[in-house]
Amino acid sequence: MGTGRTLRKESHVRPCKTPAGKAQRSRAQRRRLVKFGMGEEEVKLMSDENVRVLVQRPAVVKKLIAKKAAAK
């Protein structure tokens, strides 16, 4: 078994996530959803978790938008 650097690494070396960084990422994700075609008011009302899930799956977002457009 090795005794090299990989076994001595400490987890506290990793930088902490700051609240400002989290807010910045959240704003960027919301802007991305608006660019996909979702309504700005609709995105404002969504929770951060829902925004994160939708940003990960742009194809689902486009299908939702198409379905709403067809319903109108």
N, C-alpha and C. Protein backbone atom coordinates (compact mmCIF):
# COMPACT_ATOMS: atom_id res chain seq x y z
N MET A 1 0.84 -1.17 0.00
CA MET A 1 0.00 0.00 0.00
C MET A 1 0.89 1.23 0.00
N GLY A 2 0.48 2.26 -0.75
CA GLY A 2 1.29 3.46 -0.87
C GLY A 2 1.19 4.39 0.32
N THR A 3 2.18 5.23 0.45
CA THR A 3 2.15 6.25 1.50
C THR A 3 2.42 7.61 0.90
N GLY A 4 2.05 7.77 -0.36
CA GLY A 4 2.36 8.99 -1.10
C GLY A 4 1.43 10.15 -0.79
N ARG A 5 1.51 11.12 -1.64
CA ARG A 5 0.80 12.38 -1.46
C ARG A 5 -0.71 12.19 -1.45
N THR A 6 -1.23 11.26 -2.24
CA THR A 6 -2.68 11.10 -2.33
C THR A 6 -3.29 10.68 -1.00
N LEU A 7 -2.54 10.00 -0.17
CA LEU A 7 -3.07 9.59 1.13
C LEU A 7 -2.90 10.68 2.18
N ARG A 8 -2.08 11.68 1.91
CA ARG A 8 -1.86 12.76 2.88
C ARG A 8 -2.70 14.00 2.61
N LYS A 9 -3.41 14.03 1.49
CA LYS A 9 -4.17 15.22 1.12
C LYS A 9 -5.27 15.49 2.14
N GLU A 10 -5.44 16.74 2.46
CA GLU A 10 -6.48 17.13 3.41
C GLU A 10 -7.68 17.70 2.65
N SER A 11 -8.87 17.46 3.14
CA SER A 11 -10.06 17.96 2.46
C SER A 11 -10.24 19.46 2.66
N HIS A 12 -9.60 20.04 3.66
CA HIS A 12 -9.78 21.47 3.92
C HIS A 12 -9.02 22.35 2.94
N VAL A 13 -8.31 21.74 1.99
CA VAL A 13 -7.60 22.50 0.98
C VAL A 13 -8.58 23.01 -0.07
N ARG A 14 -9.67 22.30 -0.22
CA ARG A 14 -10.67 22.67 -1.22
C ARG A 14 -11.36 23.97 -0.81
N PRO A 15 -11.55 24.92 -1.73
CA PRO A 15 -12.17 26.19 -1.38
C PRO A 15 -13.65 26.03 -1.03
N CYS A 16 -14.12 26.84 -0.10
CA CYS A 16 -15.53 26.80 0.32
C CYS A 16 -16.40 27.55 -0.68
N LYS A 17 -17.63 27.10 -0.83
CA LYS A 17 -18.58 27.82 -1.66
C LYS A 17 -19.14 28.98 -0.84
N THR A 18 -19.17 30.14 -1.43
CA THR A 18 -19.65 31.32 -0.72
C THR A 18 -21.10 31.60 -1.12
N PRO A 19 -21.86 32.26 -0.26
CA PRO A 19 -23.23 32.63 -0.62
C PRO A 19 -23.29 33.53 -1.86
N ALA A 20 -22.31 34.41 -2.01
CA ALA A 20 -22.28 35.29 -3.19
C ALA A 20 -22.09 34.46 -4.46
N GLY A 21 -21.23 33.47 -4.41
CA GLY A 21 -21.01 32.61 -5.56
C GLY A 21 -22.25 31.80 -5.91
N LYS A 22 -22.94 31.34 -4.88
CA LYS A 22 -24.17 30.56 -5.09
C LYS A 22 -25.24 31.43 -5.76
N ALA A 23 -25.38 32.67 -5.30
CA ALA A 23 -26.36 33.58 -5.89
C ALA A 23 -25.99 33.89 -7.33
N GLN A 24 -24.71 34.03 -7.60
CA GLN A 24 -24.24 34.32 -8.95
C GLN A 24 -24.57 33.16 -9.89
N ARG A 25 -24.35 31.93 -9.43
CA ARG A 25 -24.66 30.76 -10.24
C ARG A 25 -26.17 30.65 -10.48
N SER A 26 -26.94 30.95 -9.45
CA SER A 26 -28.39 30.88 -9.57
C SER A 26 -28.91 31.88 -10.59
N ARG A 27 -28.38 33.10 -10.57
CA ARG A 27 -28.79 34.12 -11.55
C ARG A 27 -28.42 33.70 -12.96
N ALA A 28 -27.24 33.13 -13.12
CA ALA A 28 -26.79 32.68 -14.44
C ALA A 28 -27.70 31.57 -14.96
N GLN A 29 -28.10 30.65 -14.09
CA GLN A 29 -28.97 29.55 -14.50
C GLN A 29 -30.35 30.07 -14.90
N ARG A 30 -30.85 31.05 -14.15
CA ARG A 30 -32.15 31.63 -14.48
C ARG A 30 -32.09 32.34 -15.84
N ARG A 31 -31.00 33.06 -16.09
CA ARG A 31 -30.83 33.73 -17.38
C ARG A 31 -30.78 32.70 -18.52
N ARG A 32 -30.15 31.57 -18.24
CA ARG A 32 -30.04 30.52 -19.25
C ARG A 32 -31.43 29.97 -19.61
N LEU A 33 -32.30 29.81 -18.60
CA LEU A 33 -33.65 29.33 -18.87
C LEU A 33 -34.44 30.33 -19.70
N VAL A 34 -34.25 31.62 -19.43
CA VAL A 34 -34.93 32.64 -20.22
C VAL A 34 -34.45 32.59 -21.66
N LYS A 35 -33.16 32.35 -21.86
CA LYS A 35 -32.62 32.23 -23.22
C LYS A 35 -33.18 31.01 -23.94
N PHE A 36 -33.51 29.95 -23.19
CA PHE A 36 -34.11 28.77 -23.80
C PHE A 36 -35.51 29.08 -24.31
N GLY A 37 -36.14 30.14 -23.77
CA GLY A 37 -37.46 30.52 -24.24
C GLY A 37 -38.54 30.54 -23.17
N MET A 38 -38.20 30.26 -21.95
CA MET A 38 -39.18 30.32 -20.87
C MET A 38 -39.47 31.78 -20.53
N GLY A 39 -40.66 32.03 -19.99
CA GLY A 39 -41.04 33.38 -19.62
C GLY A 39 -40.26 33.85 -18.41
N GLU A 40 -39.90 35.11 -18.42
CA GLU A 40 -39.10 35.67 -17.32
C GLU A 40 -39.86 35.63 -16.00
N GLU A 41 -41.15 35.93 -16.03
CA GLU A 41 -41.97 35.90 -14.80
C GLU A 41 -42.08 34.47 -14.27
N GLU A 42 -42.22 33.53 -15.18
CA GLU A 42 -42.33 32.12 -14.79
C GLU A 42 -41.05 31.64 -14.10
N VAL A 43 -39.91 32.06 -14.63
CA VAL A 43 -38.62 31.66 -14.07
C VAL A 43 -38.41 32.31 -12.70
N LYS A 44 -38.88 33.56 -12.53
CA LYS A 44 -38.73 34.24 -11.24
C LYS A 44 -39.45 33.51 -10.13
N LEU A 45 -40.60 32.90 -10.46
CA LEU A 45 -41.40 32.23 -9.45
C LEU A 45 -40.88 30.84 -9.08
N MET A 46 -39.98 30.30 -9.89
CA MET A 46 -39.47 28.95 -9.66
C MET A 46 -38.46 28.93 -8.52
N SER A 47 -38.38 27.79 -7.84
CA SER A 47 -37.37 27.63 -6.79
C SER A 47 -36.01 27.34 -7.41
N ASP A 48 -34.96 27.53 -6.64
CA ASP A 48 -33.60 27.30 -7.14
C ASP A 48 -33.40 25.85 -7.57
N GLU A 49 -34.00 24.92 -6.84
CA GLU A 49 -33.85 23.50 -7.17
C GLU A 49 -34.47 23.19 -8.53
N ASN A 50 -35.67 23.72 -8.77
CA ASN A 50 -36.33 23.47 -10.06
C ASN A 50 -35.53 24.07 -11.21
N VAL A 51 -34.97 25.24 -10.98
CA VAL A 51 -34.17 25.89 -12.01
C VAL A 51 -32.97 25.02 -12.34
N ARG A 52 -32.30 24.51 -11.30
CA ARG A 52 -31.12 23.67 -11.50
C ARG A 52 -31.45 22.42 -12.31
N VAL A 53 -32.58 21.79 -11.99
CA VAL A 53 -32.97 20.57 -12.69
C VAL A 53 -33.26 20.85 -14.16
N LEU A 54 -33.97 21.95 -14.43
CA LEU A 54 -34.32 22.27 -15.81
C LEU A 54 -33.11 22.67 -16.64
N VAL A 55 -32.17 23.36 -16.04
CA VAL A 55 -30.97 23.78 -16.78
C VAL A 55 -30.16 22.56 -17.20
N GLN A 56 -30.21 21.51 -16.40
CA GLN A 56 -29.46 20.30 -16.73
C GLN A 56 -30.04 19.56 -17.93
N ARG A 57 -31.33 19.81 -18.23
CA ARG A 57 -32.00 19.10 -19.31
C ARG A 57 -32.68 20.07 -20.27
N PRO A 58 -31.90 20.69 -21.17
CA PRO A 58 -32.47 21.67 -22.09
C PRO A 58 -33.50 21.08 -23.05
N ALA A 59 -33.38 19.82 -23.39
CA ALA A 59 -34.35 19.20 -24.30
C ALA A 59 -35.73 19.16 -23.65
N VAL A 60 -35.78 18.89 -22.35
CA VAL A 60 -37.05 18.86 -21.63
C VAL A 60 -37.67 20.26 -21.61
N VAL A 61 -36.84 21.28 -21.42
CA VAL A 61 -37.33 22.65 -21.41
C VAL A 61 -37.94 23.01 -22.75
N LYS A 62 -37.28 22.65 -23.83
CA LYS A 62 -37.80 22.96 -25.16
C LYS A 62 -39.12 22.25 -25.42
N LYS A 63 -39.27 21.01 -24.92
CA LYS A 63 -40.53 20.29 -25.07
C LYS A 63 -41.64 20.97 -24.29
N LEU A 64 -41.33 21.43 -23.07
CA LEU A 64 -42.33 22.14 -22.25
C LEU A 64 -42.79 23.41 -22.95
N ILE A 65 -41.86 24.15 -23.51
CA ILE A 65 -42.19 25.39 -24.20
C ILE A 65 -43.04 25.11 -25.43
N ALA A 66 -42.69 24.07 -26.18
CA ALA A 66 -43.44 23.71 -27.36
C ALA A 66 -44.86 23.28 -26.99
N LYS A 67 -45.00 22.55 -25.90
CA LYS A 67 -46.31 22.09 -25.45
C LYS A 67 -47.19 23.28 -25.07
N LYS A 68 -46.61 24.26 -24.37
CA LYS A 68 -47.36 25.46 -23.98
C LYS A 68 -47.76 26.28 -25.20
N ALA A 69 -46.87 26.37 -26.17
CA ALA A 69 -47.16 27.12 -27.40
C ALA A 69 -48.28 26.45 -28.19
N ALA A 70 -48.29 25.12 -28.20
CA ALA A 70 -49.33 24.39 -28.92
C ALA A 70 -50.68 24.54 -28.21
N ALA A 71 -50.68 24.65 -26.90
CA ALA A 71 -51.91 24.78 -26.14
C ALA A 71 -52.56 26.15 -26.35
N LYS A 72 -51.74 27.15 -26.67
CA LYS A 72 -52.29 28.50 -26.88
C LYS A 72 -52.92 28.66 -28.19
